[in-house]
Amino acid sequence: MPSLQPPTFQDVLAARKRIAPYLRPTPLYHYSLLDELVGTEVWVKHENHQPVGAFKPRGGINLVAQLSPDEREKGIITASTGNHGQSIAYAARLFGVRAIVGMPEGANPGKVAAIRGRGAEILFHGKDFDAARQHVEELASQEGYRYVSSGDEPHLIAGVGTYTLEILEELPDAEVIIVPVGGGSGASGTCIVAKAVNPAIQVFGCQAEKAPAAYLTWKDRERVESKMETFAEGLATRAPFMLPQSILWKHLDDFVLVSDEDMLRGIVQYLETTHNLAEGAAAAALAGAIKMRDRLKGKKVVLIMSGGNVSLANLRRALELAR
């Protein structure tokens, strides 16, 4: 296993060089209709335009590119509700590495098909992410696979931190960045870069009320497990990852919880204002911005649209709620 020392800004810069041959920068767009909705100037970082429809491949490529010969030969194993698994499958195929992804039973069928379509093997186990994670951790120990944590991996955090480099190169006067938080790799990567470039930039995290483990751990400054009942699979964790938390404790400016109904409304609001499909986790950033509307007034705000892999069932729920 790698060192669990938090990555540095220099690690993010190095990650960008590794990632550049495989991924293009994603768009950063301003939407006047979102300005009206949130009450301030709003920009959206479109990580939903990545090849797997989410921000995760930045970290996956950065990690797989640095595997040792022995790790490449034995293969890698991970657990995922979808987007992280797609990232690992995508990166493993690029570098010719065997990949196994553990997923909970009843996982998003579109994400299951995408992972399988990229050549990874899928193991279904348990009713939620944490049950699948515990199972693949045991398999990694038994079989000698390189286990890839979806949160406690410095290479993943450094890789996903590259989207914040792109934001601040294109929009250096950004004042607030709002990031969905599941495991916390995206938010911790954002913190590392934003605070290194300009400590005055505020970074806010958003998590589901029905899966608040990361929020509670950040708030209490100790590990807290919680319920996990949200529809937003990208936020659906019962237990926090402590490497991202160590970064968030130091650098995250604030953290808010949003309801499932607010995220479902956010899916439709994004569709109406940007003509992009956002999954539940991505809609959390917009829901959080609306919840913090008074605090954001007069600031230049960037929302991370972390992924667009919404299931048809959840899209129907969102559209029905909006009727």
C-alpha atoms as a PDB file:
ATOM      1  CA  MET A   1       0.000   0.000   0.000  1.00  0.00           C
ATOM      2  CA  PRO A   2       1.181   3.556  -0.684  1.00  0.00           C
ATOM      3  CA  SER A   3       2.021   6.083   1.980  1.00  0.00           C
ATOM      4  CA  LEU A   4      -1.088   7.799   3.322  1.00  0.00           C
ATOM      5  CA  GLN A   5       0.621  11.173   3.508  1.00  0.00           C
ATOM      6  CA  PRO A   6      -1.616  13.868   1.994  1.00  0.00           C
ATOM      7  CA  PRO A   7      -0.562  14.852  -1.513  1.00  0.00           C
ATOM      8  CA  THR A   8       0.946  18.274  -2.080  1.00  0.00           C
ATOM      9  CA  PHE A   9       0.371  20.956  -4.688  1.00  0.00           C
ATOM     10  CA  GLN A  10       3.522  19.690  -6.438  1.00  0.00           C
ATOM     11  CA  ASP A  11       1.946  16.223  -6.595  1.00  0.00           C
ATOM     12  CA  VAL A  12      -1.050  17.724  -8.384  1.00  0.00           C
ATOM     13  CA  LEU A  13       1.216  19.454 -10.892  1.00  0.00           C
ATOM     14  CA  ALA A  14       3.014  16.144 -11.531  1.00  0.00           C
ATOM     15  CA  ALA A  15      -0.336  14.385 -11.907  1.00  0.00           C
ATOM     16  CA  ARG A  16      -1.377  16.820 -14.620  1.00  0.00           C
ATOM     17  CA  LYS A  17       1.640  15.804 -16.719  1.00  0.00           C
ATOM     18  CA  ARG A  18       0.721  12.117 -16.376  1.00  0.00           C
ATOM     19  CA  ILE A  19      -2.916  12.711 -17.218  1.00  0.00           C
ATOM     20  CA  ALA A  20      -2.458  15.149 -20.116  1.00  0.00           C
ATOM     21  CA  PRO A  21      -1.789  12.514 -22.838  1.00  0.00           C
ATOM     22  CA  TYR A  22      -5.118  10.825 -22.050  1.00  0.00           C
ATOM     23  CA  LEU A  23      -7.633  13.481 -20.930  1.00  0.00           C
ATOM     24  CA  ARG A  24      -8.468  16.932 -22.249  1.00  0.00           C
ATOM     25  CA  PRO A  25      -9.346  19.808 -19.910  1.00  0.00           C
ATOM     26  CA  THR A  26     -13.084  19.994 -19.299  1.00  0.00           C
ATOM     27  CA  PRO A  27     -15.214  23.079 -20.030  1.00  0.00           C
ATOM     28  CA  LEU A  28     -15.887  25.840 -17.514  1.00  0.00           C
ATOM     29  CA  TYR A  29     -19.037  27.719 -18.511  1.00  0.00           C
ATOM     30  CA  HIS A  30     -20.983  30.670 -17.114  1.00  0.00           C
ATOM     31  CA  TYR A  31     -24.795  30.450 -17.110  1.00  0.00           C
ATOM     32  CA  SER A  32     -26.947  33.537 -16.607  1.00  0.00           C
ATOM     33  CA  LEU A  33     -29.959  31.397 -15.696  1.00  0.00           C
ATOM     34  CA  LEU A  34     -27.974  29.890 -12.836  1.00  0.00           C
ATOM     35  CA  ASP A  35     -27.046  33.418 -11.752  1.00  0.00           C
ATOM     36  CA  GLU A  36     -30.772  34.101 -11.304  1.00  0.00           C
ATOM     37  CA  LEU A  37     -31.340  30.841  -9.469  1.00  0.00           C
ATOM     38  CA  VAL A  38     -28.438  31.202  -7.013  1.00  0.00           C
ATOM     39  CA  GLY A  39     -28.403  34.998  -6.801  1.00  0.00           C
ATOM     40  CA  THR A  40     -24.789  35.555  -7.814  1.00  0.00           C
ATOM     41  CA  GLU A  41     -22.366  34.894 -10.695  1.00  0.00           C
ATOM     42  CA  VAL A  42     -22.190  31.137 -11.233  1.00  0.00           C
ATOM     43  CA  TRP A  43     -19.827  29.036 -13.326  1.00  0.00           C
ATOM     44  CA  VAL A  44     -19.962  25.269 -13.826  1.00  0.00           C
ATOM     45  CA  LYS A  45     -16.966  22.947 -14.192  1.00  0.00           C
ATOM     46  CA  HIS A  46     -18.215  20.181 -16.468  1.00  0.00           C
ATOM     47  CA  GLU A  47     -16.572  17.023 -15.200  1.00  0.00           C
ATOM     48  CA  ASN A  48     -19.619  15.240 -16.611  1.00  0.00           C
ATOM     49  CA  HIS A  49     -17.871  15.680 -19.996  1.00  0.00           C
ATOM     50  CA  GLN A  50     -15.117  13.218 -19.067  1.00  0.00           C
ATOM     51  CA  PRO A  51     -14.982   9.947 -21.063  1.00  0.00           C
ATOM     52  CA  VAL A  52     -16.715   8.046 -18.248  1.00  0.00           C
ATOM     53  CA  GLY A  53     -19.112  10.894 -17.483  1.00  0.00           C
ATOM     54  CA  ALA A  54     -17.484  11.884 -14.165  1.00  0.00           C
ATOM     55  CA  PHE A  55     -14.351  13.438 -12.672  1.00  0.00           C
ATOM     56  CA  LYS A  56     -12.817  10.200 -11.401  1.00  0.00           C
ATOM     57  CA  PRO A  57     -10.565   9.208 -14.382  1.00  0.00           C
ATOM     58  CA  ARG A  58      -8.130  11.959 -13.443  1.00  0.00           C
ATOM     59  CA  GLY A  59      -7.278  10.031 -10.296  1.00  0.00           C
ATOM     60  CA  GLY A  60      -7.499   6.609 -11.886  1.00  0.00           C
ATOM     61  CA  ILE A  61      -4.977   7.424 -14.599  1.00  0.00           C
ATOM     62  CA  ASN A  62      -2.615   9.090 -12.141  1.00  0.00           C
ATOM     63  CA  LEU A  63      -2.684   5.993  -9.938  1.00  0.00           C
ATOM     64  CA  VAL A  64      -2.468   3.247 -12.558  1.00  0.00           C
ATOM     65  CA  ALA A  65       0.351   5.067 -14.355  1.00  0.00           C
ATOM     66  CA  GLN A  66       2.449   4.707 -11.180  1.00  0.00           C
ATOM     67  CA  LEU A  67       1.852   1.024 -10.405  1.00  0.00           C
ATOM     68  CA  SER A  68       4.938  -1.101  -9.894  1.00  0.00           C
ATOM     69  CA  PRO A  69       5.642  -3.989 -12.316  1.00  0.00           C
ATOM     70  CA  ASP A  70       4.548  -6.455  -9.633  1.00  0.00           C
ATOM     71  CA  GLU A  71       1.273  -4.601  -9.044  1.00  0.00           C
ATOM     72  CA  ARG A  72       0.576  -4.499 -12.783  1.00  0.00           C
ATOM     73  CA  GLU A  73       1.155  -8.223 -13.056  1.00  0.00           C
ATOM     74  CA  LYS A  74      -1.127  -9.136 -10.127  1.00  0.00           C
ATOM     75  CA  GLY A  75      -3.882  -6.679 -11.015  1.00  0.00           C
ATOM     76  CA  ILE A  76      -5.910  -4.179  -9.039  1.00  0.00           C
ATOM     77  CA  ILE A  77      -9.155  -4.472  -7.099  1.00  0.00           C
ATOM     78  CA  THR A  78     -11.502  -1.828  -5.770  1.00  0.00           C
ATOM     79  CA  ALA A  79     -15.050  -1.183  -4.588  1.00  0.00           C
ATOM     80  CA  SER A  80     -17.405   1.335  -6.122  1.00  0.00           C
ATOM     81  CA  THR A  81     -20.999   2.411  -6.547  1.00  0.00           C
ATOM     82  CA  GLY A  82     -20.125   3.339 -10.119  1.00  0.00           C
ATOM     83  CA  ASN A  83     -17.983   6.319 -11.089  1.00  0.00           C
ATOM     84  CA  HIS A  84     -14.816   5.287  -9.258  1.00  0.00           C
ATOM     85  CA  GLY A  85     -15.153   1.807 -10.741  1.00  0.00           C
ATOM     86  CA  GLN A  86     -15.495   3.272 -14.221  1.00  0.00           C
ATOM     87  CA  SER A  87     -12.364   5.325 -13.611  1.00  0.00           C
ATOM     88  CA  ILE A  88     -10.320   2.305 -12.544  1.00  0.00           C
ATOM     89  CA  ALA A  89     -11.648   0.223 -15.432  1.00  0.00           C
ATOM     90  CA  TYR A  90     -10.858   3.029 -17.892  1.00  0.00           C
ATOM     91  CA  ALA A  91      -7.318   3.543 -16.594  1.00  0.00           C
ATOM     92  CA  ALA A  92      -6.594  -0.184 -16.304  1.00  0.00           C
ATOM     93  CA  ARG A  93      -7.548  -0.733 -19.939  1.00  0.00           C
ATOM     94  CA  LEU A  94      -5.259   2.134 -21.024  1.00  0.00           C
ATOM     95  CA  PHE A  95      -2.285   0.478 -19.318  1.00  0.00           C
ATOM     96  CA  GLY A  96      -3.186  -3.181 -19.908  1.00  0.00           C
ATOM     97  CA  VAL A  97      -3.817  -4.018 -16.241  1.00  0.00           C
ATOM     98  CA  ARG A  98      -6.406  -6.473 -14.917  1.00  0.00           C
ATOM     99  CA  ALA A  99      -9.094  -4.739 -12.852  1.00  0.00           C
ATOM    100  CA  ILE A 100     -11.742  -6.171 -10.524  1.00  0.00           C
ATOM    101  CA  VAL A 101     -14.537  -3.953  -9.206  1.00  0.00           C
ATOM    102  CA  GLY A 102     -16.722  -4.904  -6.248  1.00  0.00           C
ATOM    103  CA  MET A 103     -20.190  -3.357  -6.378  1.00  0.00           C
ATOM    104  CA  PRO A 104     -23.248  -3.553  -4.141  1.00  0.00           C
ATOM    105  CA  GLU A 105     -26.182  -5.606  -5.332  1.00  0.00           C
ATOM    106  CA  GLY A 106     -28.668  -3.294  -7.024  1.00  0.00           C
ATOM    107  CA  ALA A 107     -25.999  -0.851  -8.231  1.00  0.00           C
ATOM    108  CA  ASN A 108     -26.871   1.667 -10.965  1.00  0.00           C
ATOM    109  CA  PRO A 109     -27.297  -0.591 -14.031  1.00  0.00           C
ATOM    110  CA  GLY A 110     -25.874   1.985 -16.413  1.00  0.00           C
ATOM    111  CA  LYS A 111     -22.698   2.254 -14.360  1.00  0.00           C
ATOM    112  CA  VAL A 112     -22.463  -1.547 -14.082  1.00  0.00           C
ATOM    113  CA  ALA A 113     -22.689  -1.878 -17.857  1.00  0.00           C
ATOM    114  CA  ALA A 114     -20.105   0.862 -18.387  1.00  0.00           C
ATOM    115  CA  ILE A 115     -17.593  -0.779 -16.028  1.00  0.00           C
ATOM    116  CA  ARG A 116     -18.067  -4.164 -17.655  1.00  0.00           C
ATOM    117  CA  GLY A 117     -17.854  -2.596 -21.104  1.00  0.00           C
ATOM    118  CA  ARG A 118     -14.423  -1.192 -20.263  1.00  0.00           C
ATOM    119  CA  GLY A 119     -13.104  -4.669 -19.547  1.00  0.00           C
ATOM    120  CA  ALA A 120     -13.196  -4.855 -15.753  1.00  0.00           C
ATOM    121  CA  GLU A 121     -14.508  -7.862 -13.871  1.00  0.00           C
ATOM    122  CA  ILE A 122     -17.417  -7.150 -11.517  1.00  0.00           C
ATOM    123  CA  LEU A 123     -18.122  -8.807  -8.182  1.00  0.00           C
ATOM    124  CA  PHE A 124     -21.502  -8.066  -6.618  1.00  0.00           C
ATOM    125  CA  HIS A 125     -21.556  -8.231  -2.841  1.00  0.00           C
ATOM    126  CA  GLY A 126     -23.738  -6.785  -0.098  1.00  0.00           C
ATOM    127  CA  LYS A 127     -26.458  -4.178   0.033  1.00  0.00           C
ATOM    128  CA  ASP A 128     -24.272  -1.069  -0.028  1.00  0.00           C
ATOM    129  CA  PHE A 129     -20.845   0.323  -0.874  1.00  0.00           C
ATOM    130  CA  ASP A 130     -19.260  -0.421   2.477  1.00  0.00           C
ATOM    131  CA  ALA A 131     -20.263  -4.087   2.370  1.00  0.00           C
ATOM    132  CA  ALA A 132     -18.709  -4.388  -1.094  1.00  0.00           C
ATOM    133  CA  ARG A 133     -15.609  -2.539   0.101  1.00  0.00           C
ATOM    134  CA  GLN A 134     -15.051  -4.870   3.042  1.00  0.00           C
ATOM    135  CA  HIS A 135     -15.377  -7.882   0.741  1.00  0.00           C
ATOM    136  CA  VAL A 136     -12.797  -6.703  -1.809  1.00  0.00           C
ATOM    137  CA  GLU A 137     -10.380  -5.681   0.939  1.00  0.00           C
ATOM    138  CA  GLU A 138     -10.457  -9.294   2.135  1.00  0.00           C
ATOM    139  CA  LEU A 139      -9.929 -10.582  -1.411  1.00  0.00           C
ATOM    140  CA  ALA A 140      -6.988  -8.237  -1.920  1.00  0.00           C
ATOM    141  CA  SER A 141      -5.335  -9.606   1.202  1.00  0.00           C
ATOM    142  CA  GLN A 142      -5.975 -13.209   0.198  1.00  0.00           C
ATOM    143  CA  GLU A 143      -5.009 -12.974  -3.479  1.00  0.00           C
ATOM    144  CA  GLY A 144      -2.309 -10.300  -3.477  1.00  0.00           C
ATOM    145  CA  TYR A 145      -4.163  -7.786  -5.649  1.00  0.00           C
ATOM    146  CA  ARG A 146      -3.300  -4.093  -5.308  1.00  0.00           C
ATOM    147  CA  TYR A 147      -6.293  -2.725  -3.401  1.00  0.00           C
ATOM    148  CA  VAL A 148      -7.345   0.747  -4.524  1.00  0.00           C
ATOM    149  CA  SER A 149      -9.316   2.683  -1.933  1.00  0.00           C
ATOM    150  CA  SER A 150     -11.795   5.104  -3.457  1.00  0.00           C
ATOM    151  CA  GLY A 151     -10.841   7.714  -0.836  1.00  0.00           C
ATOM    152  CA  ASP A 152      -7.660   6.904   1.074  1.00  0.00           C
ATOM    153  CA  GLU A 153      -5.376   7.074  -1.971  1.00  0.00           C
ATOM    154  CA  PRO A 154      -2.964  10.011  -2.362  1.00  0.00           C
ATOM    155  CA  HIS A 155      -2.602   9.406  -6.124  1.00  0.00           C
ATOM    156  CA  LEU A 156      -6.366   9.648  -6.625  1.00  0.00           C
ATOM    157  CA  ILE A 157      -6.586  12.894  -4.673  1.00  0.00           C
ATOM    158  CA  ALA A 158      -3.672  14.424  -6.579  1.00  0.00           C
ATOM    159  CA  GLY A 159      -5.217  13.374  -9.875  1.00  0.00           C
ATOM    160  CA  VAL A 160      -8.656  14.831  -9.266  1.00  0.00           C
ATOM    161  CA  GLY A 161      -7.046  18.002  -7.935  1.00  0.00           C
ATOM    162  CA  THR A 162      -6.146  18.808 -11.531  1.00  0.00           C
ATOM    163  CA  TYR A 163      -9.653  20.041 -12.336  1.00  0.00           C
ATOM    164  CA  THR A 164      -9.129  22.872  -9.849  1.00  0.00           C
ATOM    165  CA  LEU A 165      -5.878  23.801 -11.594  1.00  0.00           C
ATOM    166  CA  GLU A 166      -7.910  24.171 -14.789  1.00  0.00           C
ATOM    167  CA  ILE A 167     -10.560  26.262 -13.040  1.00  0.00           C
ATOM    168  CA  LEU A 168      -8.085  28.745 -11.583  1.00  0.00           C
ATOM    169  CA  GLU A 169      -6.072  29.077 -14.785  1.00  0.00           C
ATOM    170  CA  GLU A 170      -9.234  29.981 -16.672  1.00  0.00           C
ATOM    171  CA  LEU A 171     -10.989  31.905 -13.890  1.00  0.00           C
ATOM    172  CA  PRO A 172      -8.272  33.211 -11.530  1.00  0.00           C
ATOM    173  CA  ASP A 173     -10.710  35.534  -9.740  1.00  0.00           C
ATOM    174  CA  ALA A 174     -12.998  32.704  -8.603  1.00  0.00           C
ATOM    175  CA  GLU A 175     -13.976  33.297  -4.985  1.00  0.00           C
ATOM    176  CA  VAL A 176     -15.926  30.161  -3.995  1.00  0.00           C
ATOM    177  CA  ILE A 177     -15.763  26.556  -5.212  1.00  0.00           C
ATOM    178  CA  ILE A 178     -18.588  24.219  -4.183  1.00  0.00           C
ATOM    179  CA  VAL A 179     -17.861  20.497  -4.353  1.00  0.00           C
ATOM    180  CA  PRO A 180     -20.018  17.399  -3.741  1.00  0.00           C
ATOM    181  CA  VAL A 181     -18.566  15.131  -1.038  1.00  0.00           C
ATOM    182  CA  GLY A 182     -18.905  11.355  -0.957  1.00  0.00           C
ATOM    183  CA  GLY A 183     -15.549   9.907   0.003  1.00  0.00           C
ATOM    184  CA  GLY A 184     -13.960  13.339  -0.212  1.00  0.00           C
ATOM    185  CA  SER A 185     -11.254  12.957  -2.862  1.00  0.00           C
ATOM    186  CA  GLY A 186     -12.685  15.724  -5.029  1.00  0.00           C
ATOM    187  CA  ALA A 187     -13.141  18.184  -2.188  1.00  0.00           C
ATOM    188  CA  SER A 188      -9.716  17.476  -0.679  1.00  0.00           C
ATOM    189  CA  GLY A 189      -8.039  17.856  -4.078  1.00  0.00           C
ATOM    190  CA  THR A 190      -9.846  21.155  -4.551  1.00  0.00           C
ATOM    191  CA  CYS A 191      -8.676  22.344  -1.133  1.00  0.00           C
ATOM    192  CA  ILE A 192      -5.029  21.476  -1.836  1.00  0.00           C
ATOM    193  CA  VAL A 193      -4.967  23.448  -5.077  1.00  0.00           C
ATOM    194  CA  ALA A 194      -7.213  26.373  -4.159  1.00  0.00           C
ATOM    195  CA  LYS A 195      -5.443  27.128  -0.887  1.00  0.00           C
ATOM    196  CA  ALA A 196      -2.008  26.869  -2.528  1.00  0.00           C
ATOM    197  CA  VAL A 197      -2.952  29.236  -5.356  1.00  0.00           C
ATOM    198  CA  ASN A 198      -4.988  31.718  -3.311  1.00  0.00           C
ATOM    199  CA  PRO A 199      -5.812  31.056   0.368  1.00  0.00           C
ATOM    200  CA  ALA A 200      -8.688  33.534   0.151  1.00  0.00           C
ATOM    201  CA  ILE A 201     -10.672  31.188  -2.094  1.00  0.00           C
ATOM    202  CA  GLN A 202     -13.415  29.495  -0.089  1.00  0.00           C
ATOM    203  CA  VAL A 203     -14.124  25.800  -0.616  1.00  0.00           C
ATOM    204  CA  PHE A 204     -17.490  24.447   0.500  1.00  0.00           C
ATOM    205  CA  GLY A 205     -18.499  20.785   0.594  1.00  0.00           C
ATOM    206  CA  CYS A 206     -22.013  19.393   0.103  1.00  0.00           C
ATOM    207  CA  GLN A 207     -23.257  15.983   1.219  1.00  0.00           C
ATOM    208  CA  ALA A 208     -26.595  14.187   1.432  1.00  0.00           C
ATOM    209  CA  GLU A 209     -28.590  14.506   4.652  1.00  0.00           C
ATOM    210  CA  LYS A 210     -29.313  10.782   4.341  1.00  0.00           C
ATOM    211  CA  ALA A 211     -25.608   9.816   4.186  1.00  0.00           C
ATOM    212  CA  PRO A 212     -23.778  12.347   6.397  1.00  0.00           C
ATOM    213  CA  ALA A 213     -20.707  10.372   7.530  1.00  0.00           C
ATOM    214  CA  ALA A 214     -18.152  12.723   5.972  1.00  0.00           C
ATOM    215  CA  TYR A 215     -20.008  15.802   7.215  1.00  0.00           C
ATOM    216  CA  LEU A 216     -20.264  14.476  10.772  1.00  0.00           C
ATOM    217  CA  THR A 217     -16.611  13.439  10.781  1.00  0.00           C
ATOM    218  CA  TRP A 218     -15.568  16.895   9.559  1.00  0.00           C
ATOM    219  CA  LYS A 219     -17.821  18.620  12.093  1.00  0.00           C
ATOM    220  CA  ASP A 220     -16.812  16.506  15.116  1.00  0.00           C
ATOM    221  CA  ARG A 221     -13.137  16.116  14.143  1.00  0.00           C
ATOM    222  CA  GLU A 222     -13.339  12.382  14.791  1.00  0.00           C
ATOM    223  CA  ARG A 223     -14.398   9.343  12.788  1.00  0.00           C
ATOM    224  CA  VAL A 224     -18.187   8.997  12.660  1.00  0.00           C
ATOM    225  CA  GLU A 225     -20.176   6.323  10.819  1.00  0.00           C
ATOM    226  CA  SER A 226     -23.771   7.076   9.890  1.00  0.00           C
ATOM    227  CA  LYS A 227     -26.881   5.952   8.088  1.00  0.00           C
ATOM    228  CA  MET A 228     -26.708   5.606   4.315  1.00  0.00           C
ATOM    229  CA  GLU A 229     -30.118   6.000   2.710  1.00  0.00           C
ATOM    230  CA  THR A 230     -29.652   8.511  -0.133  1.00  0.00           C
ATOM    231  CA  PHE A 231     -30.530   7.782  -3.764  1.00  0.00           C
ATOM    232  CA  ALA A 232     -27.341   9.622  -4.837  1.00  0.00           C
ATOM    233  CA  GLU A 233     -24.913   6.724  -5.140  1.00  0.00           C
ATOM    234  CA  GLY A 234     -21.925   9.039  -5.508  1.00  0.00           C
ATOM    235  CA  LEU A 235     -22.567  10.257  -1.947  1.00  0.00           C
ATOM    236  CA  ALA A 236     -23.674   6.919  -0.490  1.00  0.00           C
ATOM    237  CA  THR A 237     -21.059   5.983   2.108  1.00  0.00           C
ATOM    238  CA  ARG A 238     -21.628   4.816   5.691  1.00  0.00           C
ATOM    239  CA  ALA A 239     -18.046   5.425   6.799  1.00  0.00           C
ATOM    240  CA  PRO A 240     -15.637   8.306   6.132  1.00  0.00           C
ATOM    241  CA  PHE A 241     -12.210   8.137   4.522  1.00  0.00           C
ATOM    242  CA  MET A 242      -9.683   9.604   6.897  1.00  0.00           C
ATOM    243  CA  LEU A 243      -6.997  10.763   4.435  1.00  0.00           C
ATOM    244  CA  PRO A 244      -9.393  13.188   2.714  1.00  0.00           C
ATOM    245  CA  GLN A 245     -10.729  14.157   6.129  1.00  0.00           C
ATOM    246  CA  SER A 246      -7.259  15.151   7.326  1.00  0.00           C
ATOM    247  CA  ILE A 247      -7.126  17.599   4.405  1.00  0.00           C
ATOM    248  CA  LEU A 248     -10.697  18.837   4.853  1.00  0.00           C
ATOM    249  CA  TRP A 249     -10.150  19.451   8.574  1.00  0.00           C
ATOM    250  CA  LYS A 250      -7.291  21.753   7.692  1.00  0.00           C
ATOM    251  CA  HIS A 251      -8.619  23.544   4.623  1.00  0.00           C
ATOM    252  CA  LEU A 252     -12.384  23.157   4.020  1.00  0.00           C
ATOM    253  CA  ASP A 253     -14.194  26.413   4.819  1.00  0.00           C
ATOM    254  CA  ASP A 254     -17.652  24.980   5.403  1.00  0.00           C
ATOM    255  CA  PHE A 255     -19.828  21.947   4.836  1.00  0.00           C
ATOM    256  CA  VAL A 256     -23.583  21.745   4.255  1.00  0.00           C
ATOM    257  CA  LEU A 257     -26.103  18.934   4.004  1.00  0.00           C
ATOM    258  CA  VAL A 258     -28.806  18.806   1.326  1.00  0.00           C
ATOM    259  CA  SER A 259     -31.931  16.685   1.074  1.00  0.00           C
ATOM    260  CA  ASP A 260     -32.626  14.053  -1.548  1.00  0.00           C
ATOM    261  CA  GLU A 261     -35.526  16.206  -2.750  1.00  0.00           C
ATOM    262  CA  ASP A 262     -33.186  19.188  -3.199  1.00  0.00           C
ATOM    263  CA  MET A 263     -30.798  17.042  -5.281  1.00  0.00           C
ATOM    264  CA  LEU A 264     -33.661  15.697  -7.408  1.00  0.00           C
ATOM    265  CA  ARG A 265     -34.766  19.280  -8.021  1.00  0.00           C
ATOM    266  CA  GLY A 266     -31.141  20.157  -8.795  1.00  0.00           C
ATOM    267  CA  ILE A 267     -31.034  17.538 -11.555  1.00  0.00           C
ATOM    268  CA  VAL A 268     -33.965  19.254 -13.262  1.00  0.00           C
ATOM    269  CA  GLN A 269     -32.625  22.748 -12.566  1.00  0.00           C
ATOM    270  CA  TYR A 270     -29.314  21.818 -14.197  1.00  0.00           C
ATOM    271  CA  LEU A 271     -31.166  20.310 -17.146  1.00  0.00           C
ATOM    272  CA  GLU A 272     -33.231  23.473 -17.588  1.00  0.00           C
ATOM    273  CA  THR A 273     -30.409  26.002 -17.134  1.00  0.00           C
ATOM    274  CA  THR A 274     -27.390  24.224 -18.682  1.00  0.00           C
ATOM    275  CA  HIS A 275     -28.959  21.474 -20.829  1.00  0.00           C
ATOM    276  CA  ASN A 276     -26.690  18.950 -19.111  1.00  0.00           C
ATOM    277  CA  LEU A 277     -27.628  15.754 -17.288  1.00  0.00           C
ATOM    278  CA  ALA A 278     -26.297  15.782 -13.724  1.00  0.00           C
ATOM    279  CA  GLU A 279     -26.422  12.788 -11.415  1.00  0.00           C
ATOM    280  CA  GLY A 280     -27.571  13.213  -7.830  1.00  0.00           C
ATOM    281  CA  ALA A 281     -24.094  13.802  -6.398  1.00  0.00           C
ATOM    282  CA  ALA A 282     -23.393  16.520  -8.970  1.00  0.00           C
ATOM    283  CA  ALA A 283     -26.729  18.183  -8.209  1.00  0.00           C
ATOM    284  CA  ALA A 284     -25.687  18.410  -4.552  1.00  0.00           C
ATOM    285  CA  ALA A 285     -23.369  21.318  -5.393  1.00  0.00           C
ATOM    286  CA  LEU A 286     -26.220  23.295  -6.934  1.00  0.00           C
ATOM    287  CA  ALA A 287     -28.555  22.380  -4.076  1.00  0.00           C
ATOM    288  CA  GLY A 288     -25.909  23.549  -1.613  1.00  0.00           C
ATOM    289  CA  ALA A 289     -25.408  26.824  -3.476  1.00  0.00           C
ATOM    290  CA  ILE A 290     -29.140  27.537  -3.338  1.00  0.00           C
ATOM    291  CA  LYS A 291     -29.173  26.694   0.371  1.00  0.00           C
ATOM    292  CA  MET A 292     -26.252  29.123   0.928  1.00  0.00           C
ATOM    293  CA  ARG A 293     -27.690  31.763  -1.394  1.00  0.00           C
ATOM    294  CA  ASP A 294     -27.492  34.625   1.119  1.00  0.00           C
ATOM    295  CA  ARG A 295     -23.845  33.847   1.979  1.00  0.00           C
ATOM    296  CA  LEU A 296     -22.818  33.717  -1.686  1.00  0.00           C
ATOM    297  CA  LYS A 297     -24.331  37.030  -2.776  1.00  0.00           C
ATOM    298  CA  GLY A 298     -21.823  39.148  -4.697  1.00  0.00           C
ATOM    299  CA  LYS A 299     -19.255  36.340  -5.029  1.00  0.00           C
ATOM    300  CA  LYS A 300     -17.981  34.561  -8.145  1.00  0.00           C
ATOM    301  CA  VAL A 301     -18.937  30.924  -7.562  1.00  0.00           C
ATOM    302  CA  VAL A 302     -17.853  27.723  -9.314  1.00  0.00           C
ATOM    303  CA  LEU A 303     -19.987  24.581  -9.015  1.00  0.00           C
ATOM    304  CA  ILE A 304     -18.402  21.197  -9.709  1.00  0.00           C
ATOM    305  CA  MET A 305     -20.713  19.146 -11.918  1.00  0.00           C
ATOM    306  CA  SER A 306     -18.938  16.002 -10.797  1.00  0.00           C
ATOM    307  CA  GLY A 307     -20.796  13.524 -12.987  1.00  0.00           C
ATOM    308  CA  GLY A 308     -23.690  12.969 -15.355  1.00  0.00           C
ATOM    309  CA  ASN A 309     -24.335   9.260 -14.880  1.00  0.00           C
ATOM    310  CA  VAL A 310     -27.901   9.512 -13.615  1.00  0.00           C
ATOM    311  CA  SER A 311     -30.007   6.365 -13.887  1.00  0.00           C
ATOM    312  CA  LEU A 312     -33.239   6.499 -15.870  1.00  0.00           C
ATOM    313  CA  ALA A 313     -35.155   5.644 -12.694  1.00  0.00           C
ATOM    314  CA  ASN A 314     -33.702   8.616 -10.817  1.00  0.00           C
ATOM    315  CA  LEU A 315     -34.189  10.913 -13.789  1.00  0.00           C
ATOM    316  CA  ARG A 316     -37.856   9.913 -13.855  1.00  0.00           C
ATOM    317  CA  ARG A 317     -38.099  10.623 -10.106  1.00  0.00           C
ATOM    318  CA  ALA A 318     -36.577  14.061 -10.628  1.00  0.00           C
ATOM    319  CA  LEU A 319     -38.880  14.935 -13.501  1.00  0.00           C
ATOM    320  CA  GLU A 320     -41.921  13.694 -11.592  1.00  0.00           C
ATOM    321  CA  LEU A 321     -40.981  15.849  -8.574  1.00  0.00           C
ATOM    322  CA  ALA A 322     -40.677  18.883 -10.852  1.00  0.00           C
ATOM    323  CA  ARG A 323     -44.178  18.487 -12.318  1.00  0.00           C
END
